[in-house]
Amino acid sequence: MPRKVTSPPDVLPALASSPDIALLAGKEETIKEMFAQGLHWGHRTSRWHPHIKPFLHGSSRNVHVFDLNKTYDYFLRALEYLRDASAQGKNILIVGTRGTEKELVKSMCAELNLPGVWEDWVGGMFTNFKEVSKRIRNFNAMETKQANGELDKYTKKERHEFVKIYTKMRKKWEGIKTLEKLPDVVFLTNINENVLALKEARLMHLPIVAITDSNTDPLLVDYPIPANDDAITSLTFILNKVKESILAGRTAVANALPAGKEK
């Protein structure tokens, strides 16, 4: 059964250790910025999911338009959750495999030192993680060999074969090479394009935060962000706010530690 999406409270609780960190600017100012970045545009009215109806304002030229007041509320709710998860040291996996967001996700994961999937999803990544862990360890061992110059003792043919295998494995495992257990939270840039990741996360009962465009079912995720998941301007805006929220959680922890100590 789909998980029910609960409405956000009128006043969202602030993180006790970081009351001065604002995840979004004032509502009116943020809505203007969201409008400018195109978060309000959905898909054509013929390509909608009925469960998205509560988040819609209406339509324009046969294209659905989001109610940005609701987008703001749910976006802030999701950002609060991600900030708190980050402050608690939870591992957040970022998934975005389409051409428009691949580089954004890859860059974000590198900057935050988070695991991510920006190439094709590997089936069983969650549901068969025991086997996936073995593959990740094998990849890390190959990467160590290459970094330590151990290939010098290989023949030219052996080096060629090593590089061929390593390149193929790198495409699959580079983004999740630090995963030693299932992630605590999964963030999806698009649930229709990453349907297998969504399915596996739900099967393993992992909390899901996701952008939910007008052609998706928001009831499939725990923290939906009803907004445009196609335009690069919308994706950039959302991912930047997600990044800031994760950093805010880390800052809260750092500020709460005694002087001279690091987490």
Protein backbone atom coordinates (compact mmCIF):
# COMPACT_ATOMS: atom_id res chain seq x y z
CA MET A 1 0.00 0.00 0.00
CA PRO A 2 1.24 3.53 -0.78
CA ARG A 3 2.42 5.46 2.24
CA LYS A 4 0.14 8.34 3.08
CA VAL A 5 1.65 11.80 2.77
CA THR A 6 0.84 13.85 5.83
CA SER A 7 0.24 17.58 5.63
CA PRO A 8 2.97 19.77 7.11
CA PRO A 9 2.10 21.61 10.34
CA ASP A 10 1.45 25.34 10.24
CA VAL A 11 4.72 26.03 12.01
CA LEU A 12 7.57 23.63 11.35
CA PRO A 13 9.87 23.01 14.34
CA ALA A 14 13.36 24.49 14.06
CA LEU A 15 16.45 22.48 14.90
CA ALA A 16 17.17 23.31 18.51
CA SER A 17 20.92 23.57 18.06
CA SER A 18 20.73 25.92 15.04
CA PRO A 19 17.81 28.37 15.45
CA ASP A 20 19.54 30.99 13.31
CA ILE A 21 19.90 28.83 10.21
CA ALA A 22 17.15 29.61 7.69
CA LEU A 23 16.63 26.88 5.09
CA LEU A 24 14.47 29.11 2.90
CA ALA A 25 13.97 32.86 2.78
CA GLY A 26 10.58 34.38 3.56
CA LYS A 27 7.67 32.69 1.86
CA GLU A 28 6.80 35.54 -0.50
CA GLU A 29 10.42 36.08 -1.53
CA THR A 30 11.05 32.35 -2.05
CA ILE A 31 7.88 31.86 -4.08
CA LYS A 32 8.98 34.66 -6.41
CA GLU A 33 12.34 32.94 -6.83
CA MET A 34 10.70 29.54 -7.39
CA PHE A 35 8.48 31.11 -10.05
CA ALA A 36 11.49 32.69 -11.75
CA GLN A 37 13.27 29.31 -11.82
CA GLY A 38 10.25 27.55 -13.31
CA LEU A 39 9.33 25.28 -10.38
CA HIS A 40 5.64 25.95 -11.06
CA TRP A 41 5.49 24.22 -14.45
CA GLY A 42 4.21 20.66 -14.55
CA HIS A 43 3.51 18.42 -17.53
CA ARG A 44 0.71 18.59 -20.08
CA THR A 45 -2.70 18.07 -18.51
CA SER A 46 -3.07 14.79 -20.41
CA ARG A 47 0.00 13.38 -18.60
CA TRP A 48 -0.91 13.91 -14.98
CA HIS A 49 -1.33 11.66 -11.97
CA PRO A 50 -4.60 12.16 -10.04
CA HIS A 51 -2.82 12.06 -6.66
CA ILE A 52 -0.94 15.26 -7.56
CA LYS A 53 -4.20 17.25 -7.75
CA PRO A 54 -3.97 18.78 -4.22
CA PHE A 55 -0.65 20.39 -5.18
CA LEU A 56 -1.91 22.04 -8.38
CA HIS A 57 -3.05 25.62 -8.87
CA GLY A 58 -4.57 25.00 -12.27
CA SER A 59 -3.37 24.88 -15.86
CA SER A 60 -2.14 27.21 -18.58
CA ARG A 61 -2.24 26.28 -22.27
CA ASN A 62 -2.87 22.64 -21.38
CA VAL A 63 0.09 22.50 -18.99
CA HIS A 64 -0.45 21.99 -15.26
CA VAL A 65 0.77 24.69 -12.91
CA PHE A 66 1.79 23.96 -9.31
CA ASP A 67 0.46 25.92 -6.35
CA LEU A 68 3.76 27.38 -5.17
CA ASN A 69 2.35 28.07 -1.71
CA LYS A 70 2.02 24.32 -1.24
CA THR A 71 5.32 23.68 -2.96
CA TYR A 72 6.98 26.02 -0.46
CA ASP A 73 5.38 24.24 2.53
CA TYR A 74 6.33 20.76 1.38
CA PHE A 75 9.76 21.83 0.19
CA LEU A 76 10.50 23.37 3.58
CA ARG A 77 9.22 20.22 5.28
CA ALA A 78 11.58 18.09 3.18
CA LEU A 79 14.52 20.42 3.81
CA GLU A 80 13.87 20.34 7.56
CA TYR A 81 13.92 16.57 7.45
CA LEU A 82 17.17 16.46 5.45
CA ARG A 83 18.82 18.95 7.78
CA ASP A 84 17.84 16.94 10.84
CA ALA A 85 18.95 13.70 9.19
CA SER A 86 22.32 15.29 8.39
CA ALA A 87 22.68 16.59 11.95
CA GLN A 88 22.05 13.06 13.22
CA GLY A 89 24.85 11.72 11.03
CA LYS A 90 22.56 9.79 8.72
CA ASN A 91 23.90 8.77 5.32
CA ILE A 92 21.91 10.30 2.45
CA LEU A 93 22.06 8.74 -1.02
CA ILE A 94 21.37 11.10 -3.94
CA VAL A 95 19.95 9.54 -7.12
CA GLY A 96 19.63 11.35 -10.46
CA THR A 97 20.36 9.43 -13.65
CA ARG A 98 19.02 11.59 -16.49
CA GLY A 99 21.27 13.68 -18.69
CA THR A 100 19.93 16.94 -17.28
CA GLU A 101 20.84 16.17 -13.70
CA LYS A 102 23.76 13.72 -13.90
CA GLU A 103 26.48 16.35 -13.56
CA LEU A 104 24.53 18.24 -10.89
CA VAL A 105 24.21 15.10 -8.76
CA LYS A 106 27.82 14.03 -9.34
CA SER A 107 29.14 17.47 -8.39
CA MET A 108 26.89 17.69 -5.33
CA CYS A 109 27.94 14.26 -4.05
CA ALA A 110 31.62 15.12 -4.49
CA GLU A 111 31.23 18.42 -2.66
CA LEU A 112 29.30 16.90 0.25
CA ASN A 113 31.18 13.59 0.30
CA LEU A 114 27.89 11.72 -0.06
CA PRO A 115 27.14 8.54 -2.00
CA GLY A 116 25.23 9.00 -5.23
CA VAL A 117 23.97 7.26 -8.35
CA TRP A 118 24.18 9.26 -11.58
CA GLU A 119 24.54 6.39 -14.03
CA ASP A 120 22.05 3.56 -14.56
CA TRP A 121 20.63 2.02 -11.40
CA VAL A 122 22.09 -1.41 -10.63
CA GLY A 123 19.27 -3.82 -9.85
CA GLY A 124 19.44 -5.19 -6.32
CA MET A 125 21.48 -2.28 -4.99
CA PHE A 126 19.23 -2.20 -1.94
CA THR A 127 17.43 -5.53 -2.01
CA ASN A 128 20.60 -7.57 -2.56
CA PHE A 129 23.05 -5.29 -0.78
CA LYS A 130 25.11 -8.19 0.59
CA GLU A 131 26.17 -9.12 -2.95
CA VAL A 132 26.52 -5.47 -3.97
CA SER A 133 28.89 -4.94 -1.02
CA LYS A 134 31.20 -7.63 -2.42
CA ARG A 135 31.26 -5.86 -5.79
CA ILE A 136 32.03 -2.55 -4.11
CA ARG A 137 34.91 -4.10 -2.16
CA ASN A 138 36.30 -5.59 -5.37
CA PHE A 139 36.11 -2.20 -7.07
CA ASN A 140 37.84 -0.47 -4.15
CA ALA A 141 40.59 -3.09 -4.22
CA MET A 142 41.14 -2.44 -7.94
CA GLU A 143 41.21 1.30 -7.35
CA THR A 144 43.82 0.84 -4.61
CA LYS A 145 45.97 -1.29 -6.92
CA GLN A 146 45.88 1.39 -9.59
CA ALA A 147 46.65 4.19 -7.11
CA ASN A 148 49.59 2.30 -5.59
CA GLY A 149 51.20 1.61 -8.96
CA GLU A 150 50.75 -2.16 -8.67
CA LEU A 151 49.89 -2.33 -12.37
CA ASP A 152 53.54 -1.75 -13.22
CA LYS A 153 54.29 -5.41 -12.60
CA TYR A 154 51.52 -6.50 -15.00
CA THR A 155 52.11 -7.29 -18.66
CA LYS A 156 50.77 -4.89 -21.25
CA LYS A 157 47.94 -7.30 -22.03
CA GLU A 158 47.08 -7.71 -18.34
CA ARG A 159 47.07 -3.93 -17.81
CA HIS A 160 44.77 -3.49 -20.81
CA GLU A 161 42.35 -6.09 -19.42
CA PHE A 162 42.54 -4.54 -15.93
CA VAL A 163 41.73 -1.07 -17.24
CA LYS A 164 38.86 -2.45 -19.32
CA ILE A 165 37.28 -4.14 -16.29
CA TYR A 166 38.03 -1.21 -13.98
CA THR A 167 36.42 1.31 -16.35
CA LYS A 168 33.27 -0.79 -16.54
CA MET A 169 33.12 -1.20 -12.76
CA ARG A 170 33.82 2.47 -12.15
CA LYS A 171 30.70 3.45 -14.05
CA LYS A 172 28.62 1.24 -11.73
CA TRP A 173 30.29 1.62 -8.36
CA GLU A 174 32.22 4.91 -8.18
CA GLY A 175 29.34 6.85 -6.67
CA ILE A 176 28.60 4.33 -3.93
CA LYS A 177 32.12 3.05 -3.18
CA THR A 178 31.90 4.39 0.39
CA LEU A 179 28.63 2.59 1.20
CA GLU A 180 29.23 0.00 3.90
CA LYS A 181 25.55 -0.43 4.70
CA LEU A 182 22.21 0.64 3.27
CA PRO A 183 21.75 4.42 3.24
CA ASP A 184 19.54 5.96 5.91
CA VAL A 185 17.74 8.28 3.48
CA VAL A 186 17.24 8.27 -0.30
CA PHE A 187 16.78 11.47 -2.34
CA LEU A 188 15.41 11.05 -5.88
CA THR A 189 15.39 13.81 -8.49
CA ASN A 190 12.70 12.03 -10.51
CA ILE A 191 10.65 9.04 -9.37
CA ASN A 192 9.36 7.99 -12.81
CA GLU A 193 12.85 7.81 -14.29
CA ASN A 194 14.24 6.11 -11.18
CA VAL A 195 11.36 3.71 -10.63
CA LEU A 196 13.58 0.76 -9.72
CA ALA A 197 15.42 2.79 -7.08
CA LEU A 198 12.05 3.92 -5.73
CA LYS A 199 10.72 0.37 -5.65
CA GLU A 200 13.78 -1.00 -3.85
CA ALA A 201 13.81 1.85 -1.32
CA ARG A 202 10.16 1.21 -0.50
CA LEU A 203 10.75 -2.55 -0.18
CA MET A 204 13.58 -1.89 2.30
CA HIS A 205 11.50 0.75 4.16
CA LEU A 206 14.04 3.52 3.53
CA PRO A 207 12.77 7.10 3.96
CA ILE A 208 12.38 8.76 0.56
CA VAL A 209 12.62 12.45 -0.30
CA ALA A 210 11.83 13.20 -3.94
CA ILE A 211 10.85 15.83 -6.47
CA THR A 212 7.34 14.91 -7.61
CA ASP A 213 6.29 16.45 -10.92
CA SER A 214 2.65 16.49 -12.06
CA ASN A 215 3.01 13.12 -13.82
CA THR A 216 4.09 11.30 -10.65
CA ASP A 217 2.39 9.84 -7.58
CA PRO A 218 3.45 11.80 -4.46
CA LEU A 219 1.95 9.12 -2.21
CA LEU A 220 4.86 6.84 -3.08
CA VAL A 221 7.37 8.95 -1.14
CA ASP A 222 7.64 10.17 2.43
CA TYR A 223 8.70 13.74 1.72
CA PRO A 224 7.45 14.92 -1.71
CA ILE A 225 8.63 18.18 -3.25
CA PRO A 226 5.86 19.05 -5.74
CA ALA A 227 7.71 20.87 -8.51
CA ASN A 228 9.13 20.77 -12.02
CA ASP A 229 11.68 17.93 -12.26
CA ASP A 230 12.69 18.59 -15.88
CA ALA A 231 13.95 22.18 -16.22
CA ILE A 232 17.63 22.56 -15.35
CA THR A 233 16.86 25.85 -13.57
CA SER A 234 14.32 24.12 -11.31
CA LEU A 235 16.63 21.18 -10.61
CA THR A 236 19.55 23.48 -9.84
CA PHE A 237 17.46 25.57 -7.44
CA ILE A 238 16.13 22.51 -5.59
CA LEU A 239 19.47 20.70 -5.38
CA ASN A 240 21.21 23.84 -4.14
CA LYS A 241 18.67 24.13 -1.32
CA VAL A 242 19.06 20.43 -0.52
CA LYS A 243 22.83 20.91 -0.36
CA GLU A 244 22.46 23.92 1.93
CA SER A 245 20.15 21.97 4.24
CA ILE A 246 22.60 19.08 4.56
CA LEU A 247 25.41 21.53 5.29
CA ALA A 248 23.18 23.30 7.83
CA GLY A 249 22.76 20.02 9.71
CA ARG A 250 26.53 19.51 9.79
CA THR A 251 27.04 23.10 10.94
CA ALA A 252 24.56 22.57 13.78
CA VAL A 253 26.56 19.57 14.99
CA ALA A 254 29.87 21.42 14.70
CA ASN A 255 28.50 24.40 16.65
CA ALA A 256 27.20 22.12 19.39
CA LEU A 257 30.56 20.38 19.96
CA PRO A 258 32.95 21.61 22.68
CA ALA A 259 35.77 23.83 21.43
CA GLY A 260 38.66 21.89 19.93
CA LYS A 261 36.64 18.77 19.19
CA GLU A 262 35.39 17.55 15.82
CA LYS A 263 32.81 14.94 14.99
